[in-house]
Amino acid sequence: MQIVGLDHVQLVMPAGEEAAARHFYATILGLTEVPKPEQVAGRGGCWFAGPGVALHLGVEADFTPARKAHPALRVADLGQARQTLERAGVAITDNSTLPHVRRFFVADPFGNRIEILQDGDVY
């Protein structure tokens, strides 16, 4: 087997919270909502995409946020991303454990951990 890429990442969210998901992922993070295929649209949740990223949020009845496992989103300007998130009232958790990787963590409205890192920095 040869893996050639990552298609998408799926996170979970509580039922009925699509408006909060749209506000965070589209309005604040700037991703574009994409329509879910008709076969799965009735399950709730939202799908989002941006340059090089596809992120799906699915509804889980016994929802528990992912507090350790997380997607890491690369941004063109980490300082500008921080300002955007702070203006939106999103709490930022700084992290300097890897001094050559500029990054911080945020939580989506449901408590899922999201890493934001500077494009060009590598692990």
C-alpha atoms as a PDB file:
ATOM      1  CA  MET A   1       0.000   0.000   0.000  1.00  0.00           C
ATOM      2  CA  GLN A   2       1.148   3.518  -0.765  1.00  0.00           C
ATOM      3  CA  ILE A   3      -0.627   6.373   1.016  1.00  0.00           C
ATOM      4  CA  VAL A   4      -0.676   9.394  -1.284  1.00  0.00           C
ATOM      5  CA  GLY A   5      -2.360  12.005   0.868  1.00  0.00           C
ATOM      6  CA  LEU A   6      -4.894  12.814   3.550  1.00  0.00           C
ATOM      7  CA  ASP A   7      -8.441  13.247   2.281  1.00  0.00           C
ATOM      8  CA  HIS A   8     -10.098  14.801   5.337  1.00  0.00           C
ATOM      9  CA  VAL A   9     -10.231  14.898   9.123  1.00  0.00           C
ATOM     10  CA  GLN A  10     -13.468  14.290  10.988  1.00  0.00           C
ATOM     11  CA  LEU A  11     -14.284  15.743  14.376  1.00  0.00           C
ATOM     12  CA  VAL A  12     -17.470  15.240  16.334  1.00  0.00           C
ATOM     13  CA  MET A  13     -19.992  17.708  17.653  1.00  0.00           C
ATOM     14  CA  PRO A  14     -23.236  17.605  19.621  1.00  0.00           C
ATOM     15  CA  ALA A  15     -26.555  17.412  17.774  1.00  0.00           C
ATOM     16  CA  GLY A  16     -28.217  20.682  16.781  1.00  0.00           C
ATOM     17  CA  GLU A  17     -25.087  22.841  17.015  1.00  0.00           C
ATOM     18  CA  GLU A  18     -24.515  23.422  13.287  1.00  0.00           C
ATOM     19  CA  ALA A  19     -24.876  27.215  13.660  1.00  0.00           C
ATOM     20  CA  ALA A  20     -22.033  27.282  16.202  1.00  0.00           C
ATOM     21  CA  ALA A  21     -19.913  25.097  13.909  1.00  0.00           C
ATOM     22  CA  ARG A  22     -20.558  27.414  10.951  1.00  0.00           C
ATOM     23  CA  HIS A  23     -19.677  30.487  13.001  1.00  0.00           C
ATOM     24  CA  PHE A  24     -16.368  29.052  14.207  1.00  0.00           C
ATOM     25  CA  TYR A  25     -15.154  27.151  11.151  1.00  0.00           C
ATOM     26  CA  ALA A  26     -16.488  29.461   8.408  1.00  0.00           C
ATOM     27  CA  THR A  27     -16.809  32.920   9.942  1.00  0.00           C
ATOM     28  CA  ILE A  28     -13.797  32.857  12.280  1.00  0.00           C
ATOM     29  CA  LEU A  29     -11.395  30.363  10.650  1.00  0.00           C
ATOM     30  CA  GLY A  30     -12.389  31.314   7.103  1.00  0.00           C
ATOM     31  CA  LEU A  31     -13.111  27.830   5.781  1.00  0.00           C
ATOM     32  CA  THR A  32     -15.889  27.358   3.249  1.00  0.00           C
ATOM     33  CA  GLU A  33     -18.836  25.155   4.064  1.00  0.00           C
ATOM     34  CA  VAL A  34     -19.313  22.475   1.426  1.00  0.00           C
ATOM     35  CA  PRO A  35     -22.557  20.576   0.954  1.00  0.00           C
ATOM     36  CA  LYS A  36     -22.694  17.105   2.432  1.00  0.00           C
ATOM     37  CA  PRO A  37     -23.677  14.373  -0.011  1.00  0.00           C
ATOM     38  CA  GLU A  38     -27.411  13.708  -0.016  1.00  0.00           C
ATOM     39  CA  GLN A  39     -26.879  10.216   1.410  1.00  0.00           C
ATOM     40  CA  VAL A  40     -25.410  11.586   4.670  1.00  0.00           C
ATOM     41  CA  ALA A  41     -26.914  15.086   4.859  1.00  0.00           C
ATOM     42  CA  GLY A  42     -29.711  13.970   7.189  1.00  0.00           C
ATOM     43  CA  ARG A  43     -27.260  12.892   9.884  1.00  0.00           C
ATOM     44  CA  GLY A  44     -26.481  16.483  10.899  1.00  0.00           C
ATOM     45  CA  GLY A  45     -23.089  18.102  11.146  1.00  0.00           C
ATOM     46  CA  CYS A  46     -21.208  20.237   8.626  1.00  0.00           C
ATOM     47  CA  TRP A  47     -18.341  19.858   6.182  1.00  0.00           C
ATOM     48  CA  PHE A  48     -15.754  22.575   5.545  1.00  0.00           C
ATOM     49  CA  ALA A  49     -12.844  23.028   3.152  1.00  0.00           C
ATOM     50  CA  GLY A  50     -10.037  25.442   2.433  1.00  0.00           C
ATOM     51  CA  PRO A  51      -6.738  25.378   0.570  1.00  0.00           C
ATOM     52  CA  GLY A  52      -5.258  21.949   1.261  1.00  0.00           C
ATOM     53  CA  VAL A  53      -7.722  21.065   4.046  1.00  0.00           C
ATOM     54  CA  ALA A  54     -11.041  19.267   4.359  1.00  0.00           C
ATOM     55  CA  LEU A  55     -12.646  19.061   7.781  1.00  0.00           C
ATOM     56  CA  HIS A  56     -15.881  17.226   8.543  1.00  0.00           C
ATOM     57  CA  LEU A  57     -17.927  17.600  11.704  1.00  0.00           C
ATOM     58  CA  GLY A  58     -20.246  14.716  12.429  1.00  0.00           C
ATOM     59  CA  VAL A  59     -22.894  14.467  15.108  1.00  0.00           C
ATOM     60  CA  GLU A  60     -22.267  11.975  17.883  1.00  0.00           C
ATOM     61  CA  ALA A  61     -25.064  11.129  20.312  1.00  0.00           C
ATOM     62  CA  ASP A  62     -22.777  10.624  23.323  1.00  0.00           C
ATOM     63  CA  PHE A  63     -20.542  13.537  22.373  1.00  0.00           C
ATOM     64  CA  THR A  64     -17.170  13.897  24.069  1.00  0.00           C
ATOM     65  CA  PRO A  65     -14.734  16.491  22.691  1.00  0.00           C
ATOM     66  CA  ALA A  66     -11.301  15.495  21.444  1.00  0.00           C
ATOM     67  CA  ARG A  67      -9.010  17.219  23.937  1.00  0.00           C
ATOM     68  CA  LYS A  68      -5.737  15.549  22.898  1.00  0.00           C
ATOM     69  CA  ALA A  69      -6.236  14.249  19.350  1.00  0.00           C
ATOM     70  CA  HIS A  70      -6.506  17.218  16.987  1.00  0.00           C
ATOM     71  CA  PRO A  71      -6.098  18.577  13.487  1.00  0.00           C
ATOM     72  CA  ALA A  72      -3.233  21.019  12.946  1.00  0.00           C
ATOM     73  CA  LEU A  73      -4.073  23.885  10.594  1.00  0.00           C
ATOM     74  CA  ARG A  74      -1.232  25.755   8.862  1.00  0.00           C
ATOM     75  CA  VAL A  75      -1.696  29.504   8.500  1.00  0.00           C
ATOM     76  CA  ALA A  76       0.149  32.040   6.367  1.00  0.00           C
ATOM     77  CA  ASP A  77       0.607  34.455   9.289  1.00  0.00           C
ATOM     78  CA  LEU A  78       0.421  33.131  12.857  1.00  0.00           C
ATOM     79  CA  GLY A  79       0.297  36.637  14.349  1.00  0.00           C
ATOM     80  CA  GLN A  80      -2.654  37.614  12.182  1.00  0.00           C
ATOM     81  CA  ALA A  81      -4.397  34.334  13.016  1.00  0.00           C
ATOM     82  CA  ARG A  82      -3.911  35.037  16.728  1.00  0.00           C
ATOM     83  CA  GLN A  83      -5.414  38.520  16.339  1.00  0.00           C
ATOM     84  CA  THR A  84      -8.424  37.184  14.429  1.00  0.00           C
ATOM     85  CA  LEU A  85      -9.092  34.518  17.040  1.00  0.00           C
ATOM     86  CA  GLU A  86      -8.587  36.891  19.983  1.00  0.00           C
ATOM     87  CA  ARG A  87     -10.969  39.461  18.432  1.00  0.00           C
ATOM     88  CA  ALA A  88     -13.552  36.679  18.134  1.00  0.00           C
ATOM     89  CA  GLY A  89     -13.138  35.847  21.832  1.00  0.00           C
ATOM     90  CA  VAL A  90     -11.444  32.496  21.260  1.00  0.00           C
ATOM     91  CA  ALA A  91      -9.097  31.481  24.086  1.00  0.00           C
ATOM     92  CA  ILE A  92      -5.542  30.710  22.981  1.00  0.00           C
ATOM     93  CA  THR A  93      -3.196  28.274  24.677  1.00  0.00           C
ATOM     94  CA  ASP A  94       0.421  29.026  23.821  1.00  0.00           C
ATOM     95  CA  ASN A  95       2.850  26.181  23.293  1.00  0.00           C
ATOM     96  CA  SER A  96       6.620  26.458  22.983  1.00  0.00           C
ATOM     97  CA  THR A  97       7.634  22.849  23.628  1.00  0.00           C
ATOM     98  CA  LEU A  98       9.144  22.718  20.127  1.00  0.00           C
ATOM     99  CA  PRO A  99      11.074  25.990  19.779  1.00  0.00           C
ATOM    100  CA  HIS A 100      11.413  25.650  15.986  1.00  0.00           C
ATOM    101  CA  VAL A 101       7.619  25.303  15.523  1.00  0.00           C
ATOM    102  CA  ARG A 102       5.551  28.445  16.091  1.00  0.00           C
ATOM    103  CA  ARG A 103       2.108  27.318  17.190  1.00  0.00           C
ATOM    104  CA  PHE A 104      -0.745  27.612  19.637  1.00  0.00           C
ATOM    105  CA  PHE A 105      -3.909  25.703  20.445  1.00  0.00           C
ATOM    106  CA  VAL A 106      -7.558  26.716  20.529  1.00  0.00           C
ATOM    107  CA  ALA A 107     -10.783  24.833  21.159  1.00  0.00           C
ATOM    108  CA  ASP A 108     -13.766  24.881  18.844  1.00  0.00           C
ATOM    109  CA  PRO A 109     -17.163  25.718  20.402  1.00  0.00           C
ATOM    110  CA  PHE A 110     -17.533  22.077  21.441  1.00  0.00           C
ATOM    111  CA  GLY A 111     -14.141  21.698  23.157  1.00  0.00           C
ATOM    112  CA  ASN A 112     -12.324  19.921  20.318  1.00  0.00           C
ATOM    113  CA  ARG A 113      -8.622  20.821  20.310  1.00  0.00           C
ATOM    114  CA  ILE A 114      -7.295  22.612  17.203  1.00  0.00           C
ATOM    115  CA  GLU A 115      -3.608  23.364  16.613  1.00  0.00           C
ATOM    116  CA  ILE A 116      -2.740  26.487  14.625  1.00  0.00           C
ATOM    117  CA  LEU A 117       0.825  26.594  13.300  1.00  0.00           C
ATOM    118  CA  GLN A 118       2.930  28.835  11.122  1.00  0.00           C
ATOM    119  CA  ASP A 119       3.282  27.665   7.536  1.00  0.00           C
ATOM    120  CA  GLY A 120       6.910  26.763   6.810  1.00  0.00           C
ATOM    121  CA  ASP A 121       7.652  25.473  10.283  1.00  0.00           C
ATOM    122  CA  VAL A 122       8.246  21.710  10.392  1.00  0.00           C
ATOM    123  CA  TYR A 123       8.386  19.088  13.101  1.00  0.00           C
END
